Amino acid sequence: MATTATRWMCGSATTAATWTTNLATRTIHRPPPSEALAAVLTRRSLSTCQSRQRVGSSSSCVSAARHARLLFSTDATASTETVPITFVNPDNTEVTVQATIGQHLLDVAHANNIELEGACGGELACSTCHLIFPEEVMDQLPEKTEEEEDMLDLAFEVQPTSRLGCQIPVRKEYAGLKLKIPDDGF
């Protein structure tokens, strides 16, 4: 069987992938991309989309970045276990959803048609997935990064318990959690 291998690299990704082509059957095997490569491709998808928007294209940058992130998700240990989480809208209506453990809260909201914008597609480049957490769970959340703090400085109604939904993966301990979606001022 005749095969050829092609190594390729995307942008500044430090990991290259090898594509194998079977010349007899004309099939191509593409290995799953690494996390570094997936991140580069997601950023490229978003920046390409933003460039198109500047010249008048109607494509959605949020959609492009989100789909690229989901497409290149390669976590083989992804959980199918869920926990109930309640989103409290600015008008105080509550929506309880089943959130998959390990999924980021922004993705949980989008998967359940909750109005949580996430304009940057979860790339930590905006504050539109701002959520207000109950005080009692703050010790269970991952530590805030400096980048997240900077983005929260741009958010409306920031509270001491404010976090960005794109930075918080769901954990078992969050079962029954109530998250307030602040009014975005519009």
C-alpha atoms as a PDB file:
ATOM      1  CA  MET A   1       0.000   0.000   0.000  1.00  0.00           C
ATOM      2  CA  ALA A   2       1.476   3.329  -1.041  1.00  0.00           C
ATOM      3  CA  THR A   3       1.130   6.150   1.507  1.00  0.00           C
ATOM      4  CA  THR A   4       2.486   9.633   1.840  1.00  0.00           C
ATOM      5  CA  ALA A   5       2.759  11.675   5.005  1.00  0.00           C
ATOM      6  CA  THR A   6       2.495  15.415   5.124  1.00  0.00           C
ATOM      7  CA  ARG A   7       3.454  17.464   8.168  1.00  0.00           C
ATOM      8  CA  TRP A   8       1.746  20.798   8.595  1.00  0.00           C
ATOM      9  CA  MET A   9       1.695  23.522  11.144  1.00  0.00           C
ATOM     10  CA  CYS A  10      -0.802  26.281  11.815  1.00  0.00           C
ATOM     11  CA  GLY A  11       0.340  29.744  12.886  1.00  0.00           C
ATOM     12  CA  SER A  12       2.405  29.752  16.031  1.00  0.00           C
ATOM     13  CA  ALA A  13       1.207  26.333  17.208  1.00  0.00           C
ATOM     14  CA  THR A  14       4.072  24.339  18.613  1.00  0.00           C
ATOM     15  CA  THR A  15       2.472  21.038  17.705  1.00  0.00           C
ATOM     16  CA  ALA A  16       2.310  19.814  14.144  1.00  0.00           C
ATOM     17  CA  ALA A  17       0.015  17.051  12.982  1.00  0.00           C
ATOM     18  CA  THR A  18       0.779  14.378  10.423  1.00  0.00           C
ATOM     19  CA  TRP A  19      -1.821  13.631   7.781  1.00  0.00           C
ATOM     20  CA  THR A  20      -1.517  10.240   6.113  1.00  0.00           C
ATOM     21  CA  THR A  21      -2.867   9.722   2.611  1.00  0.00           C
ATOM     22  CA  ASN A  22      -3.584   6.220   1.324  1.00  0.00           C
ATOM     23  CA  LEU A  23      -2.963   6.564  -2.426  1.00  0.00           C
ATOM     24  CA  ALA A  24      -4.684   3.281  -3.277  1.00  0.00           C
ATOM     25  CA  THR A  25      -8.026   4.198  -1.669  1.00  0.00           C
ATOM     26  CA  ARG A  26      -7.606   7.975  -1.927  1.00  0.00           C
ATOM     27  CA  THR A  27      -8.460   8.434   1.748  1.00  0.00           C
ATOM     28  CA  ILE A  28      -6.905  10.848   4.190  1.00  0.00           C
ATOM     29  CA  HIS A  29      -6.437  10.194   7.885  1.00  0.00           C
ATOM     30  CA  ARG A  30      -6.319  13.348  10.007  1.00  0.00           C
ATOM     31  CA  PRO A  31      -5.314  12.836  13.629  1.00  0.00           C
ATOM     32  CA  PRO A  32      -7.172  14.900  16.231  1.00  0.00           C
ATOM     33  CA  PRO A  33      -5.499  18.280  16.773  1.00  0.00           C
ATOM     34  CA  SER A  34      -3.694  19.077  19.975  1.00  0.00           C
ATOM     35  CA  GLU A  35      -5.074  21.629  22.425  1.00  0.00           C
ATOM     36  CA  ALA A  36      -2.448  24.170  21.271  1.00  0.00           C
ATOM     37  CA  LEU A  37      -3.406  23.705  17.642  1.00  0.00           C
ATOM     38  CA  ALA A  38      -7.124  23.878  18.473  1.00  0.00           C
ATOM     39  CA  ALA A  39      -6.580  27.183  20.288  1.00  0.00           C
ATOM     40  CA  VAL A  40      -4.696  28.649  17.316  1.00  0.00           C
ATOM     41  CA  LEU A  41      -7.380  27.510  14.874  1.00  0.00           C
ATOM     42  CA  THR A  42     -10.109  28.970  17.096  1.00  0.00           C
ATOM     43  CA  ARG A  43      -8.295  32.326  17.282  1.00  0.00           C
ATOM     44  CA  ARG A  44      -7.742  32.275  13.519  1.00  0.00           C
ATOM     45  CA  SER A  45     -11.410  31.501  12.942  1.00  0.00           C
ATOM     46  CA  LEU A  46     -12.405  34.463  15.111  1.00  0.00           C
ATOM     47  CA  SER A  47      -9.909  36.920  13.597  1.00  0.00           C
ATOM     48  CA  THR A  48     -10.827  35.897  10.032  1.00  0.00           C
ATOM     49  CA  CYS A  49     -14.467  36.373  10.856  1.00  0.00           C
ATOM     50  CA  GLN A  50     -13.836  39.792  12.426  1.00  0.00           C
ATOM     51  CA  SER A  51     -11.901  40.853   9.323  1.00  0.00           C
ATOM     52  CA  ARG A  52     -14.837  39.847   7.141  1.00  0.00           C
ATOM     53  CA  GLN A  53     -17.227  41.821   9.318  1.00  0.00           C
ATOM     54  CA  ARG A  54     -15.115  44.961   8.890  1.00  0.00           C
ATOM     55  CA  VAL A  55     -15.571  44.694   5.131  1.00  0.00           C
ATOM     56  CA  GLY A  56     -19.308  44.107   5.339  1.00  0.00           C
ATOM     57  CA  SER A  57     -19.760  40.326   5.530  1.00  0.00           C
ATOM     58  CA  SER A  58     -22.734  39.113   7.538  1.00  0.00           C
ATOM     59  CA  SER A  59     -21.039  36.105   9.142  1.00  0.00           C
ATOM     60  CA  SER A  60     -21.247  35.668  12.900  1.00  0.00           C
ATOM     61  CA  CYS A  61     -17.949  35.826  14.791  1.00  0.00           C
ATOM     62  CA  VAL A  62     -19.489  34.357  17.916  1.00  0.00           C
ATOM     63  CA  SER A  63     -20.711  31.395  15.936  1.00  0.00           C
ATOM     64  CA  ALA A  64     -17.389  30.890  14.165  1.00  0.00           C
ATOM     65  CA  ALA A  65     -15.311  30.911  17.333  1.00  0.00           C
ATOM     66  CA  ARG A  66     -17.781  28.787  19.286  1.00  0.00           C
ATOM     67  CA  HIS A  67     -18.082  26.182  16.552  1.00  0.00           C
ATOM     68  CA  ALA A  68     -14.307  26.030  16.113  1.00  0.00           C
ATOM     69  CA  ARG A  69     -13.863  25.517  19.856  1.00  0.00           C
ATOM     70  CA  LEU A  70     -16.485  22.753  19.941  1.00  0.00           C
ATOM     71  CA  LEU A  71     -15.157  21.154  16.729  1.00  0.00           C
ATOM     72  CA  PHE A  72     -11.638  20.841  18.095  1.00  0.00           C
ATOM     73  CA  SER A  73     -12.611  19.701  21.571  1.00  0.00           C
ATOM     74  CA  THR A  74     -10.679  16.443  21.995  1.00  0.00           C
ATOM     75  CA  ASP A  75     -11.217  15.649  25.669  1.00  0.00           C
ATOM     76  CA  ALA A  76     -11.650  11.886  25.685  1.00  0.00           C
ATOM     77  CA  THR A  77     -12.539  11.967  29.386  1.00  0.00           C
ATOM     78  CA  ALA A  78     -15.538  14.246  28.853  1.00  0.00           C
ATOM     79  CA  SER A  79     -18.287  13.468  31.319  1.00  0.00           C
ATOM     80  CA  THR A  80     -21.874  12.663  30.473  1.00  0.00           C
ATOM     81  CA  GLU A  81     -22.946  13.275  34.064  1.00  0.00           C
ATOM     82  CA  THR A  82     -25.066  16.379  34.594  1.00  0.00           C
ATOM     83  CA  VAL A  83     -26.073  18.630  37.463  1.00  0.00           C
ATOM     84  CA  PRO A  84     -28.979  21.085  37.682  1.00  0.00           C
ATOM     85  CA  ILE A  85     -28.010  24.760  37.450  1.00  0.00           C
ATOM     86  CA  THR A  86     -30.431  27.680  37.525  1.00  0.00           C
ATOM     87  CA  PHE A  87     -29.874  30.875  35.550  1.00  0.00           C
ATOM     88  CA  VAL A  88     -31.719  33.902  36.969  1.00  0.00           C
ATOM     89  CA  ASN A  89     -32.484  36.414  34.197  1.00  0.00           C
ATOM     90  CA  PRO A  90     -32.358  40.191  34.772  1.00  0.00           C
ATOM     91  CA  ASP A  91     -36.179  40.190  35.082  1.00  0.00           C
ATOM     92  CA  ASN A  92     -35.829  37.565  37.887  1.00  0.00           C
ATOM     93  CA  THR A  93     -37.309  34.713  35.849  1.00  0.00           C
ATOM     94  CA  GLU A  94     -35.481  31.467  36.500  1.00  0.00           C
ATOM     95  CA  VAL A  95     -34.477  28.772  34.037  1.00  0.00           C
ATOM     96  CA  THR A  96     -33.133  25.489  35.401  1.00  0.00           C
ATOM     97  CA  VAL A  97     -31.039  23.378  33.025  1.00  0.00           C
ATOM     98  CA  GLN A  98     -28.979  20.205  33.176  1.00  0.00           C
ATOM     99  CA  ALA A  99     -25.296  21.117  32.831  1.00  0.00           C
ATOM    100  CA  THR A 100     -22.708  18.558  31.784  1.00  0.00           C
ATOM    101  CA  ILE A 101     -19.810  18.323  34.209  1.00  0.00           C
ATOM    102  CA  GLY A 102     -16.685  19.847  32.638  1.00  0.00           C
ATOM    103  CA  GLN A 103     -18.612  22.071  30.218  1.00  0.00           C
ATOM    104  CA  HIS A 104     -18.062  25.824  30.629  1.00  0.00           C
ATOM    105  CA  LEU A 105     -21.050  27.810  31.879  1.00  0.00           C
ATOM    106  CA  LEU A 106     -21.091  29.927  28.718  1.00  0.00           C
ATOM    107  CA  ASP A 107     -21.510  26.774  26.617  1.00  0.00           C
ATOM    108  CA  VAL A 108     -24.193  25.478  29.002  1.00  0.00           C
ATOM    109  CA  ALA A 109     -26.119  28.726  28.546  1.00  0.00           C
ATOM    110  CA  HIS A 110     -25.807  28.630  24.748  1.00  0.00           C
ATOM    111  CA  ALA A 111     -26.801  24.955  24.559  1.00  0.00           C
ATOM    112  CA  ASN A 112     -29.981  25.773  26.516  1.00  0.00           C
ATOM    113  CA  ASN A 113     -30.907  29.025  24.723  1.00  0.00           C
ATOM    114  CA  ILE A 114     -30.148  31.164  27.776  1.00  0.00           C
ATOM    115  CA  GLU A 115     -29.501  34.801  26.831  1.00  0.00           C
ATOM    116  CA  LEU A 116     -25.853  35.049  27.805  1.00  0.00           C
ATOM    117  CA  GLU A 117     -24.084  36.684  24.892  1.00  0.00           C
ATOM    118  CA  GLY A 118     -20.446  35.557  24.988  1.00  0.00           C
ATOM    119  CA  ALA A 119     -19.506  37.899  22.120  1.00  0.00           C
ATOM    120  CA  CYS A 120     -15.919  36.610  21.894  1.00  0.00           C
ATOM    121  CA  GLY A 121     -16.966  32.962  21.766  1.00  0.00           C
ATOM    122  CA  GLY A 122     -15.311  32.130  25.080  1.00  0.00           C
ATOM    123  CA  GLU A 123     -11.881  33.505  24.207  1.00  0.00           C
ATOM    124  CA  LEU A 124     -11.640  35.803  27.265  1.00  0.00           C
ATOM    125  CA  ALA A 125     -11.788  38.914  25.099  1.00  0.00           C
ATOM    126  CA  CYS A 126     -15.026  40.480  26.378  1.00  0.00           C
ATOM    127  CA  SER A 127     -17.250  40.568  29.467  1.00  0.00           C
ATOM    128  CA  THR A 128     -20.592  39.623  27.932  1.00  0.00           C
ATOM    129  CA  CYS A 129     -20.763  36.238  29.693  1.00  0.00           C
ATOM    130  CA  HIS A 130     -20.633  37.972  33.086  1.00  0.00           C
ATOM    131  CA  LEU A 131     -22.433  36.013  35.835  1.00  0.00           C
ATOM    132  CA  ILE A 132     -22.966  36.759  39.519  1.00  0.00           C
ATOM    133  CA  PHE A 133     -22.374  33.774  41.803  1.00  0.00           C
ATOM    134  CA  PRO A 134     -23.695  33.163  45.313  1.00  0.00           C
ATOM    135  CA  GLU A 135     -21.145  34.000  48.024  1.00  0.00           C
ATOM    136  CA  GLU A 136     -21.117  30.415  49.382  1.00  0.00           C
ATOM    137  CA  VAL A 137     -19.578  28.899  46.221  1.00  0.00           C
ATOM    138  CA  MET A 138     -16.793  31.426  45.664  1.00  0.00           C
ATOM    139  CA  ASP A 139     -14.227  29.188  47.415  1.00  0.00           C
ATOM    140  CA  GLN A 140     -15.059  26.328  45.015  1.00  0.00           C
ATOM    141  CA  LEU A 141     -14.441  28.339  41.831  1.00  0.00           C
ATOM    142  CA  PRO A 142     -11.124  28.379  39.977  1.00  0.00           C
ATOM    143  CA  GLU A 143      -8.961  31.372  40.837  1.00  0.00           C
ATOM    144  CA  LYS A 144      -9.498  34.505  38.728  1.00  0.00           C
ATOM    145  CA  THR A 145      -6.746  35.295  36.283  1.00  0.00           C
ATOM    146  CA  GLU A 146      -5.496  38.819  35.682  1.00  0.00           C
ATOM    147  CA  GLU A 147      -7.052  38.688  32.195  1.00  0.00           C
ATOM    148  CA  GLU A 148     -10.464  37.816  33.654  1.00  0.00           C
ATOM    149  CA  GLU A 149     -10.161  40.679  36.163  1.00  0.00           C
ATOM    150  CA  ASP A 150      -9.374  43.060  33.283  1.00  0.00           C
ATOM    151  CA  MET A 151     -12.449  41.919  31.332  1.00  0.00           C
ATOM    152  CA  LEU A 152     -14.704  42.189  34.403  1.00  0.00           C
ATOM    153  CA  ASP A 153     -13.628  45.841  34.733  1.00  0.00           C
ATOM    154  CA  LEU A 154     -15.634  46.402  31.519  1.00  0.00           C
ATOM    155  CA  ALA A 155     -18.818  44.644  32.697  1.00  0.00           C
ATOM    156  CA  PHE A 156     -22.099  46.143  33.951  1.00  0.00           C
ATOM    157  CA  GLU A 157     -23.246  45.572  37.554  1.00  0.00           C
ATOM    158  CA  VAL A 158     -19.959  44.012  38.708  1.00  0.00           C
ATOM    159  CA  GLN A 159     -20.191  42.464  42.176  1.00  0.00           C
ATOM    160  CA  PRO A 160     -17.504  40.925  44.410  1.00  0.00           C
ATOM    161  CA  THR A 161     -18.847  37.522  43.305  1.00  0.00           C
ATOM    162  CA  SER A 162     -18.797  38.324  39.559  1.00  0.00           C
ATOM    163  CA  ARG A 163     -17.103  35.875  37.185  1.00  0.00           C
ATOM    164  CA  LEU A 164     -17.069  35.190  33.456  1.00  0.00           C
ATOM    165  CA  GLY A 165     -19.042  32.108  32.402  1.00  0.00           C
ATOM    166  CA  CYS A 166     -16.426  31.157  29.800  1.00  0.00           C
ATOM    167  CA  GLN A 167     -13.876  30.630  32.589  1.00  0.00           C
ATOM    168  CA  ILE A 168     -15.919  28.368  34.881  1.00  0.00           C
ATOM    169  CA  PRO A 169     -16.261  24.659  34.082  1.00  0.00           C
ATOM    170  CA  VAL A 170     -19.198  22.857  35.715  1.00  0.00           C
ATOM    171  CA  ARG A 171     -18.353  20.635  38.712  1.00  0.00           C
ATOM    172  CA  LYS A 172     -20.459  18.201  40.758  1.00  0.00           C
ATOM    173  CA  GLU A 173     -20.337  20.636  43.665  1.00  0.00           C
ATOM    174  CA  TYR A 174     -22.340  23.163  41.617  1.00  0.00           C
ATOM    175  CA  ALA A 175     -25.531  21.051  41.688  1.00  0.00           C
ATOM    176  CA  GLY A 176     -28.444  23.373  42.488  1.00  0.00           C
ATOM    177  CA  LEU A 177     -26.375  26.509  41.868  1.00  0.00           C
ATOM    178  CA  LYS A 178     -28.280  29.739  41.074  1.00  0.00           C
ATOM    179  CA  LEU A 179     -26.440  32.169  38.818  1.00  0.00           C
ATOM    180  CA  LYS A 180     -27.667  35.710  38.254  1.00  0.00           C
ATOM    181  CA  ILE A 181     -27.330  37.181  34.779  1.00  0.00           C
ATOM    182  CA  PRO A 182     -26.882  40.930  35.300  1.00  0.00           C
ATOM    183  CA  ASP A 183     -28.755  43.507  33.264  1.00  0.00           C
ATOM    184  CA  ASP A 184     -26.446  44.571  30.435  1.00  0.00           C
ATOM    185  CA  GLY A 185     -27.817  48.112  30.345  1.00  0.00           C
ATOM    186  CA  PHE A 186     -29.718  47.745  27.065  1.00  0.00           C
END
